[in-house]
């Protein structure tokens, strides 16, 4: 997304978008073309000034991610079996156990990665989508930065799934002790994937179209 500063001679607040200048950038390689171009001459990717179906895809993936996040918190993430007992741990239950054992640092990491970040992403994506639907011109730079943060941080939400996968691979001692992933691990992984797809489906260029719709 290119923005040119034209000072007082430009549009409102002295800003003009690439589309106003008759340009479109390839979303894959960044090569700039005229609006009439349909195929990128560098990577042969499809050129599109705006994704007309962006918000529909954003809401579809986001709702799917929120639905998958519910069983991820209700059902066990980790199934532990020993000679004497069998235990099940949910995300919040695992955090509580870590706190009880005095592992505050690990408990904080798991809570932030498994609860705060996913919920924060849901809220941030909803805010971005609603602001675009309402053609809001407020805080455009801040919203664009928020989008970049959501897109970057999404992959780190998988830390809980990585921990479960590593423990399941390492602790397999037949009848003595075994650790297996619960159904919540699958639900949580799906929730993270759906949320990442929702963020990728969001066309951040729509943030800058509010001025045009209000003029």
Protein backbone atom coordinates (compact mmCIF):
# COMPACT_ATOMS: atom_id res chain seq x y z
CA UNK A 1 0.00 0.00 0.00
CA UNK A 2 1.63 3.21 -1.15
CA UNK A 3 0.64 6.62 0.21
CA UNK A 4 1.91 9.88 -1.29
CA UNK A 5 2.00 13.18 0.61
CA UNK A 6 0.80 16.06 -1.57
CA UNK A 7 0.70 18.67 1.19
CA UNK A 8 -2.17 21.11 1.10
CA UNK A 9 -2.75 20.46 -2.61
CA UNK A 10 -3.79 16.85 -2.03
CA UNK A 11 -7.00 15.29 -0.83
CA UNK A 12 -8.22 15.53 2.74
CA UNK A 13 -5.33 15.55 5.17
CA UNK A 14 -2.91 15.81 2.19
CA UNK A 15 -2.96 12.09 1.38
CA UNK A 16 -3.51 10.26 -1.89
CA UNK A 17 -3.65 6.51 -2.30
CA UNK A 18 -1.95 4.49 -5.02
CA UNK A 19 -5.33 3.91 -6.67
CA UNK A 20 -5.93 7.68 -6.78
CA UNK A 21 -2.60 7.94 -8.59
CA UNK A 22 -3.67 5.27 -11.10
CA UNK A 23 -1.39 2.57 -9.67
CA UNK A 24 -1.80 -0.88 -8.20
CA UNK A 25 0.85 -2.96 -6.41
CA UNK A 26 1.19 -6.71 -6.66
CA UNK A 27 0.35 -8.28 -3.30
CA UNK A 28 2.92 -11.05 -3.83
CA UNK A 29 6.08 -9.24 -4.94
CA UNK A 30 5.24 -5.53 -4.57
CA UNK A 31 5.79 -4.61 -8.22
CA UNK A 32 3.82 -1.44 -9.11
CA UNK A 33 1.65 -1.37 -12.25
CA UNK A 34 -1.01 0.82 -13.79
CA UNK A 35 -4.63 0.15 -12.85
CA UNK A 36 -5.30 -1.32 -16.29
CA UNK A 37 -2.82 -4.18 -15.71
CA UNK A 38 -4.31 -7.51 -14.66
CA UNK A 39 -1.22 -9.76 -14.41
CA UNK A 40 2.03 -8.88 -12.63
CA UNK A 41 4.90 -8.69 -15.12
CA UNK A 42 7.40 -9.83 -12.45
CA UNK A 43 5.74 -12.81 -10.74
CA UNK A 44 2.66 -13.25 -12.98
CA UNK A 45 0.39 -12.92 -9.98
CA UNK A 46 -3.16 -11.61 -10.29
CA UNK A 47 -3.44 -7.86 -9.77
CA UNK A 48 -6.38 -6.42 -7.85
CA UNK A 49 -6.72 -2.85 -6.61
CA UNK A 50 -9.18 -3.97 -3.92
CA UNK A 51 -10.50 -7.38 -2.90
CA UNK A 52 -14.26 -6.96 -3.18
CA UNK A 53 -14.89 -10.11 -1.13
CA UNK A 54 -12.34 -9.33 1.58
CA UNK A 55 -14.74 -8.61 4.44
CA UNK A 56 -16.92 -11.64 3.69
CA UNK A 57 -13.88 -13.91 3.89
CA UNK A 58 -12.63 -12.14 7.03
CA UNK A 59 -15.91 -12.68 8.89
CA UNK A 60 -16.26 -16.28 7.69
CA UNK A 61 -12.79 -17.32 8.88
CA UNK A 62 -13.08 -15.29 12.08
CA UNK A 63 -16.40 -16.86 13.09
CA UNK A 64 -14.98 -20.32 12.33
CA UNK A 65 -11.96 -19.53 14.52
CA UNK A 66 -14.13 -18.31 17.40
CA UNK A 67 -16.31 -21.42 17.22
CA UNK A 68 -13.24 -23.68 17.26
CA UNK A 69 -11.83 -21.77 20.23
CA UNK A 70 -14.78 -22.74 22.46
CA UNK A 71 -14.09 -26.51 22.63
CA UNK A 72 -10.37 -25.68 22.83
CA UNK A 73 -11.05 -24.27 26.30
CA UNK A 74 -13.75 -26.69 27.42
CA UNK A 75 -12.09 -29.99 26.56
CA UNK A 76 -8.73 -31.36 27.77
CA UNK A 77 -5.59 -30.24 26.00
CA UNK A 78 -3.35 -32.89 27.59
CA UNK A 79 -4.10 -36.48 28.65
CA UNK A 80 -1.60 -37.90 31.14
CA UNK A 81 -1.61 -41.58 32.19
CA UNK A 82 0.62 -43.19 34.82
CA UNK A 83 0.60 -46.47 36.73
CA UNK A 84 -1.65 -45.05 39.41
CA UNK A 85 -3.79 -42.38 37.82
CA UNK A 86 -5.04 -40.70 34.69
CA UNK A 87 -5.45 -36.92 34.50
CA UNK A 88 -6.80 -34.43 31.99
CA UNK A 89 -5.71 -30.79 31.75
CA UNK A 90 -7.50 -27.96 30.02
CA UNK A 91 -5.70 -24.75 29.02
CA UNK A 92 -6.81 -22.83 32.10
CA UNK A 93 -6.39 -25.92 34.27
CA UNK A 94 -2.82 -26.32 33.07
CA UNK A 95 -2.07 -22.68 33.87
CA UNK A 96 -3.53 -23.15 37.36
CA UNK A 97 -1.38 -26.25 37.92
CA UNK A 98 1.77 -24.43 36.82
CA UNK A 99 0.97 -21.61 39.24
CA UNK A 100 0.40 -24.16 42.02
CA UNK A 101 3.82 -25.68 41.33
CA UNK A 102 5.41 -22.23 41.47
CA UNK A 103 6.23 -22.03 37.75
CA UNK A 104 4.94 -18.49 37.34
CA UNK A 105 7.04 -17.70 34.29
CA UNK A 106 5.85 -20.70 32.26
CA UNK A 107 2.28 -20.17 33.45
CA UNK A 108 2.41 -16.57 32.24
CA UNK A 109 3.76 -17.60 28.81
CA UNK A 110 1.08 -20.26 28.36
CA UNK A 111 -1.70 -17.90 29.53
CA UNK A 112 -0.57 -15.09 27.23
CA UNK A 113 -0.07 -17.36 24.19
CA UNK A 114 -3.21 -19.46 24.69
CA UNK A 115 -5.72 -16.96 26.08
CA UNK A 116 -4.70 -13.31 25.78
CA UNK A 117 -3.28 -13.42 22.25
CA UNK A 118 -6.15 -15.43 20.67
CA UNK A 119 -8.83 -13.28 22.33
CA UNK A 120 -6.87 -10.13 21.45
CA UNK A 121 -6.73 -11.24 17.80
CA UNK A 122 -10.47 -11.84 17.73
CA UNK A 123 -11.13 -8.35 19.10
CA UNK A 124 -8.58 -6.67 16.81
CA UNK A 125 -9.86 -8.32 13.63
CA UNK A 126 -13.47 -7.52 14.53
CA UNK A 127 -12.50 -3.90 15.18
CA UNK A 128 -10.71 -3.64 11.83
CA UNK A 129 -13.59 -5.23 9.91
CA UNK A 130 -16.27 -3.11 11.58
CA UNK A 131 -14.30 0.12 11.11
CA UNK A 132 -13.95 -0.62 7.39
CA UNK A 133 -17.63 -1.48 7.05
CA UNK A 134 -18.54 1.83 8.69
CA UNK A 135 -16.07 3.72 6.45
CA UNK A 136 -14.32 5.17 9.48
CA UNK A 137 -11.51 7.61 8.69
CA UNK A 138 -10.25 7.77 12.29
CA UNK A 139 -6.89 6.34 13.40
CA UNK A 140 -5.99 4.93 9.98
CA UNK A 141 -2.27 4.67 10.68
CA UNK A 142 -2.93 3.02 14.06
CA UNK A 143 -5.35 0.56 12.50
CA UNK A 144 -2.85 -0.35 9.80
CA UNK A 145 -0.20 -0.97 12.47
CA UNK A 146 -2.69 -3.08 14.44
CA UNK A 147 -3.32 -5.18 11.34
CA UNK A 148 0.41 -5.76 10.85
CA UNK A 149 0.79 -6.80 14.50
CA UNK A 150 -2.14 -9.24 14.25
CA UNK A 151 -0.75 -10.77 11.08
CA UNK A 152 2.75 -11.13 12.55
CA UNK A 153 1.83 -12.45 15.99
CA UNK A 154 -0.66 -15.06 14.79
CA UNK A 155 1.88 -17.84 14.31
CA UNK A 156 3.11 -17.57 17.93
CA UNK A 157 -0.28 -18.66 19.24
CA UNK A 158 0.69 -22.24 18.37
CA UNK A 159 3.05 -22.48 21.35
CA UNK A 160 0.53 -24.53 23.35
CA UNK A 161 0.12 -27.00 20.50
CA UNK A 162 3.91 -27.25 20.11
CA UNK A 163 4.34 -28.04 23.82
CA UNK A 164 1.68 -30.77 23.65
CA UNK A 165 3.25 -32.27 20.52
CA UNK A 166 6.74 -32.33 22.06
CA UNK A 167 5.52 -33.88 25.32
CA UNK A 168 3.48 -36.48 23.43
CA UNK A 169 6.54 -37.47 21.41
CA UNK A 170 8.94 -37.60 24.36
CA UNK A 171 6.82 -39.17 27.11
CA UNK A 172 5.75 -42.56 25.77
CA UNK A 173 6.85 -45.12 28.39
CA UNK A 174 4.28 -47.82 27.62
CA UNK A 175 2.36 -48.65 30.79
CA UNK A 176 4.51 -46.50 33.11
CA UNK A 177 3.63 -43.06 31.80
CA UNK A 178 2.19 -41.67 28.60
CA UNK A 179 1.14 -38.21 27.48
CA UNK A 180 -1.28 -37.75 24.60
CA UNK A 181 -2.93 -34.69 23.07
CA UNK A 182 -6.60 -34.13 23.82
CA UNK A 183 -9.34 -33.02 21.47
CA UNK A 184 -8.72 -29.42 22.58
CA UNK A 185 -5.31 -29.47 20.89
CA UNK A 186 -6.95 -30.05 17.51
CA UNK A 187 -9.61 -27.40 18.18
CA UNK A 188 -7.00 -24.88 19.31
CA UNK A 189 -4.83 -25.50 16.25
CA UNK A 190 -7.85 -25.05 13.97
CA UNK A 191 -8.78 -21.84 15.78
CA UNK A 192 -5.29 -20.41 15.26
CA UNK A 193 -5.25 -21.43 11.59
CA UNK A 194 -8.70 -19.94 10.93
CA UNK A 195 -7.72 -16.69 12.65
CA UNK A 196 -4.53 -16.45 10.59
CA UNK A 197 -6.55 -16.98 7.41
CA UNK A 198 -8.97 -14.29 8.57
CA UNK A 199 -6.12 -11.81 9.04
CA UNK A 200 -4.62 -12.71 5.66
CA UNK A 201 -8.02 -12.29 3.97
CA UNK A 202 -8.31 -8.72 5.26
CA UNK A 203 -7.43 -6.21 2.54
CA UNK A 204 -5.61 -3.52 4.53
CA UNK A 205 -5.96 -1.09 1.61
CA UNK A 206 -9.65 -0.76 2.49
CA UNK A 207 -8.61 1.20 5.58
CA UNK A 208 -7.54 4.09 3.36
CA UNK A 209 -10.75 4.26 1.32
CA UNK A 210 -12.78 6.11 3.98
CA UNK A 211 -11.85 9.55 2.65
CA UNK A 212 -13.16 8.68 -0.80
CA UNK A 213 -16.50 7.43 0.51
CA UNK A 214 -16.99 10.52 2.68
CA UNK A 215 -16.25 13.05 -0.03
